[in-house]
Amino acid sequence: MSDRDEIMAKVLAAIADTFLVDPKSLTPQTSALDVPGWDSVSQVGLVMHLEDEFHIQISATALNTIPNIGGLVDFIAQSIGRA
């Protein structure tokens, strides 16, 4: 399993846990608009989870430029030096 695959698995698990969705329903192209219950309040919880999981900081500015789950994985990979 590649580093990106490991990051993807952790991101999908975090999203599935936060929004109570089946991780199999999520793809790299899935955006916040595609996930029931994904709003600005619940997004804060997801961001905190990912920041703790990967020991990174995700600014609001950066978050606003991430279009989908694949983009989030790419951002995390770059942030931890595994891109």
N, C-alpha and C. Protein backbone atom coordinates (compact mmCIF):
# COMPACT_ATOMS: atom_id res chain seq x y z
N MET A 1 0.85 -1.18 0.00
CA MET A 1 0.00 0.00 0.00
C MET A 1 0.90 1.24 0.00
N SER A 2 0.61 2.16 -0.90
CA SER A 2 1.41 3.38 -0.99
C SER A 2 1.05 4.34 0.13
N ASP A 3 1.91 5.35 0.31
CA ASP A 3 1.62 6.38 1.31
C ASP A 3 0.28 7.05 1.01
N ARG A 4 0.03 7.36 -0.27
CA ARG A 4 -1.22 8.02 -0.63
C ARG A 4 -2.41 7.13 -0.32
N ASP A 5 -2.27 5.83 -0.55
CA ASP A 5 -3.36 4.89 -0.23
C ASP A 5 -3.62 4.86 1.27
N GLU A 6 -2.56 4.90 2.07
CA GLU A 6 -2.72 4.92 3.53
C GLU A 6 -3.41 6.20 3.99
N ILE A 7 -3.01 7.32 3.41
CA ILE A 7 -3.64 8.59 3.75
C ILE A 7 -5.11 8.55 3.34
N MET A 8 -5.40 8.06 2.14
CA MET A 8 -6.78 7.96 1.66
C MET A 8 -7.62 7.12 2.61
N ALA A 9 -7.10 5.99 3.03
CA ALA A 9 -7.84 5.11 3.93
C ALA A 9 -8.18 5.82 5.24
N LYS A 10 -7.23 6.56 5.78
CA LYS A 10 -7.47 7.28 7.03
C LYS A 10 -8.46 8.42 6.84
N VAL A 11 -8.36 9.13 5.72
CA VAL A 11 -9.29 10.23 5.43
C VAL A 11 -10.70 9.68 5.25
N LEU A 12 -10.84 8.60 4.48
CA LEU A 12 -12.16 8.01 4.28
C LEU A 12 -12.77 7.54 5.59
N ALA A 13 -11.95 6.93 6.44
CA ALA A 13 -12.44 6.48 7.75
C ALA A 13 -12.90 7.66 8.60
N ALA A 14 -12.14 8.75 8.57
CA ALA A 14 -12.50 9.94 9.35
C ALA A 14 -13.81 10.55 8.84
N ILE A 15 -13.96 10.63 7.53
CA ILE A 15 -15.19 11.18 6.95
C ILE A 15 -16.37 10.27 7.27
N ALA A 16 -16.19 8.97 7.10
CA ALA A 16 -17.26 8.02 7.38
C ALA A 16 -17.69 8.10 8.85
N ASP A 17 -16.72 8.22 9.74
CA ASP A 17 -17.00 8.31 11.17
C ASP A 17 -17.69 9.63 11.52
N THR A 18 -17.22 10.72 10.95
CA THR A 18 -17.77 12.05 11.25
C THR A 18 -19.20 12.20 10.74
N PHE A 19 -19.45 11.71 9.54
CA PHE A 19 -20.74 11.94 8.90
C PHE A 19 -21.64 10.70 8.85
N LEU A 20 -21.17 9.63 9.48
CA LEU A 20 -21.93 8.39 9.57
C LEU A 20 -22.39 7.89 8.21
N VAL A 21 -21.43 7.81 7.30
CA VAL A 21 -21.69 7.29 5.96
C VAL A 21 -20.81 6.07 5.72
N ASP A 22 -21.20 5.25 4.77
CA ASP A 22 -20.42 4.08 4.39
C ASP A 22 -19.18 4.55 3.64
N PRO A 23 -17.98 4.20 4.11
CA PRO A 23 -16.78 4.64 3.41
C PRO A 23 -16.72 4.15 1.97
N LYS A 24 -17.42 3.07 1.66
CA LYS A 24 -17.44 2.55 0.29
C LYS A 24 -18.20 3.48 -0.65
N SER A 25 -19.00 4.39 -0.07
CA SER A 25 -19.75 5.33 -0.89
C SER A 25 -18.92 6.56 -1.25
N LEU A 26 -17.72 6.64 -0.70
CA LEU A 26 -16.85 7.80 -0.90
C LEU A 26 -15.78 7.49 -1.93
N THR A 27 -15.49 8.46 -2.79
CA THR A 27 -14.43 8.32 -3.80
C THR A 27 -13.56 9.57 -3.76
N PRO A 28 -12.43 9.56 -4.45
CA PRO A 28 -11.61 10.77 -4.50
C PRO A 28 -12.36 11.97 -5.09
N GLN A 29 -13.37 11.72 -5.90
CA GLN A 29 -14.12 12.80 -6.52
C GLN A 29 -15.27 13.31 -5.65
N THR A 30 -15.56 12.64 -4.54
CA THR A 30 -16.63 13.06 -3.64
C THR A 30 -16.30 14.41 -3.03
N SER A 31 -17.28 15.32 -3.08
CA SER A 31 -17.09 16.64 -2.47
C SER A 31 -18.01 16.76 -1.25
N ALA A 32 -17.84 17.82 -0.51
CA ALA A 32 -18.67 18.06 0.67
C ALA A 32 -20.15 18.09 0.32
N LEU A 33 -20.47 18.59 -0.85
CA LEU A 33 -21.87 18.67 -1.28
C LEU A 33 -22.50 17.29 -1.49
N ASP A 34 -21.66 16.28 -1.69
CA ASP A 34 -22.14 14.91 -1.94
C ASP A 34 -22.40 14.13 -0.67
N VAL A 35 -21.97 14.64 0.48
CA VAL A 35 -22.04 13.89 1.73
C VAL A 35 -23.15 14.48 2.61
N PRO A 36 -24.19 13.68 2.90
CA PRO A 36 -25.27 14.18 3.75
C PRO A 36 -24.73 14.63 5.13
N GLY A 37 -25.18 15.79 5.56
CA GLY A 37 -24.78 16.28 6.87
C GLY A 37 -23.48 17.05 6.91
N TRP A 38 -22.78 17.13 5.78
CA TRP A 38 -21.50 17.86 5.77
C TRP A 38 -21.81 19.34 5.67
N ASP A 39 -21.69 20.01 6.80
CA ASP A 39 -21.89 21.45 6.84
C ASP A 39 -20.69 22.07 7.55
N SER A 40 -20.70 23.38 7.69
CA SER A 40 -19.53 24.07 8.23
C SER A 40 -19.25 23.67 9.68
N VAL A 41 -20.28 23.38 10.44
CA VAL A 41 -20.07 23.00 11.84
C VAL A 41 -19.45 21.61 11.93
N SER A 42 -20.00 20.66 11.21
CA SER A 42 -19.45 19.30 11.25
C SER A 42 -18.07 19.24 10.60
N GLN A 43 -17.82 20.13 9.65
CA GLN A 43 -16.51 20.16 9.00
C GLN A 43 -15.41 20.51 10.00
N VAL A 44 -15.74 21.34 10.99
CA VAL A 44 -14.75 21.69 12.02
C VAL A 44 -14.30 20.43 12.74
N GLY A 45 -15.24 19.57 13.08
CA GLY A 45 -14.88 18.31 13.74
C GLY A 45 -14.00 17.44 12.88
N LEU A 46 -14.31 17.37 11.59
CA LEU A 46 -13.49 16.58 10.67
C LEU A 46 -12.08 17.15 10.59
N VAL A 47 -11.98 18.45 10.44
CA VAL A 47 -10.66 19.10 10.33
C VAL A 47 -9.85 18.84 11.59
N MET A 48 -10.47 18.97 12.76
CA MET A 48 -9.74 18.71 14.01
C MET A 48 -9.25 17.26 14.06
N HIS A 49 -10.09 16.34 13.63
CA HIS A 49 -9.71 14.92 13.60
C HIS A 49 -8.50 14.71 12.68
N LEU A 50 -8.56 15.29 11.48
CA LEU A 50 -7.46 15.12 10.53
C LEU A 50 -6.19 15.80 11.01
N GLU A 51 -6.32 16.97 11.62
CA GLU A 51 -5.14 17.65 12.16
C GLU A 51 -4.47 16.80 13.24
N ASP A 52 -5.27 16.19 14.10
CA ASP A 52 -4.72 15.32 15.15
C ASP A 52 -4.11 14.05 14.55
N GLU A 53 -4.80 13.46 13.60
CA GLU A 53 -4.36 12.21 12.97
C GLU A 53 -3.01 12.37 12.26
N PHE A 54 -2.86 13.48 11.53
CA PHE A 54 -1.69 13.67 10.68
C PHE A 54 -0.69 14.69 11.22
N HIS A 55 -0.99 15.29 12.37
CA HIS A 55 -0.10 16.29 13.00
C HIS A 55 0.20 17.44 12.04
N ILE A 56 -0.88 17.98 11.48
CA ILE A 56 -0.77 19.10 10.55
C ILE A 56 -1.77 20.18 10.96
N GLN A 57 -1.70 21.31 10.28
CA GLN A 57 -2.70 22.36 10.44
C GLN A 57 -3.34 22.60 9.08
N ILE A 58 -4.66 22.71 9.08
CA ILE A 58 -5.39 22.97 7.85
C ILE A 58 -6.08 24.33 8.03
N SER A 59 -5.59 25.33 7.34
CA SER A 59 -6.16 26.66 7.48
C SER A 59 -7.48 26.76 6.71
N ALA A 60 -8.30 27.70 7.11
CA ALA A 60 -9.56 27.93 6.40
C ALA A 60 -9.30 28.29 4.95
N THR A 61 -8.25 29.05 4.70
CA THR A 61 -7.89 29.43 3.34
C THR A 61 -7.57 28.19 2.51
N ALA A 62 -6.76 27.30 3.06
CA ALA A 62 -6.41 26.07 2.35
C ALA A 62 -7.65 25.21 2.13
N LEU A 63 -8.46 25.10 3.16
CA LEU A 63 -9.66 24.27 3.07
C LEU A 63 -10.59 24.74 1.96
N ASN A 64 -10.67 26.04 1.78
CA ASN A 64 -11.54 26.59 0.74
C ASN A 64 -11.05 26.30 -0.68
N THR A 65 -9.80 25.88 -0.83
CA THR A 65 -9.26 25.57 -2.15
C THR A 65 -9.30 24.08 -2.47
N ILE A 66 -9.71 23.26 -1.52
CA ILE A 66 -9.72 21.81 -1.70
C ILE A 66 -11.09 21.40 -2.24
N PRO A 67 -11.15 20.90 -3.48
CA PRO A 67 -12.44 20.65 -4.12
C PRO A 67 -13.14 19.36 -3.73
N ASN A 68 -12.36 18.35 -3.28
CA ASN A 68 -12.94 17.04 -3.04
C ASN A 68 -12.01 16.21 -2.15
N ILE A 69 -12.39 14.97 -1.90
CA ILE A 69 -11.60 14.11 -1.03
C ILE A 69 -10.20 13.87 -1.60
N GLY A 70 -10.10 13.69 -2.91
CA GLY A 70 -8.79 13.50 -3.53
C GLY A 70 -7.89 14.70 -3.30
N GLY A 71 -8.45 15.90 -3.40
CA GLY A 71 -7.69 17.12 -3.13
C GLY A 71 -7.27 17.21 -1.68
N LEU A 72 -8.13 16.74 -0.78
CA LEU A 72 -7.79 16.72 0.65
C LEU A 72 -6.63 15.77 0.91
N VAL A 73 -6.67 14.61 0.28
CA VAL A 73 -5.58 13.64 0.43
C VAL A 73 -4.29 14.22 -0.12
N ASP A 74 -4.34 14.88 -1.28
CA ASP A 74 -3.15 15.50 -1.85
C ASP A 74 -2.60 16.58 -0.90
N PHE A 75 -3.48 17.39 -0.32
CA PHE A 75 -3.05 18.43 0.60
C PHE A 75 -2.35 17.82 1.81
N ILE A 76 -2.93 16.76 2.36
CA ILE A 76 -2.33 16.12 3.53
C ILE A 76 -0.99 15.51 3.16
N ALA A 77 -0.91 14.84 2.02
CA ALA A 77 0.35 14.23 1.57
C ALA A 77 1.44 15.28 1.44
N GLN A 78 1.10 16.42 0.86
CA GLN A 78 2.08 17.50 0.73
C GLN A 78 2.47 18.06 2.08
N SER A 79 1.50 18.18 2.96
CA SER A 79 1.76 18.76 4.29
C SER A 79 2.68 17.89 5.14
N ILE A 80 2.61 16.58 4.94
CA ILE A 80 3.45 15.68 5.73
C ILE A 80 4.67 15.20 4.94
N GLY A 81 4.84 15.75 3.74
CA GLY A 81 6.02 15.42 2.94
C GLY A 81 5.99 14.08 2.27
N ARG A 82 4.80 13.59 1.96
CA ARG A 82 4.69 12.30 1.29
C ARG A 82 4.07 12.39 -0.08
N ALA A 83 4.14 13.56 -0.68
CA ALA A 83 3.54 13.76 -2.00
C ALA A 83 4.46 13.25 -3.08
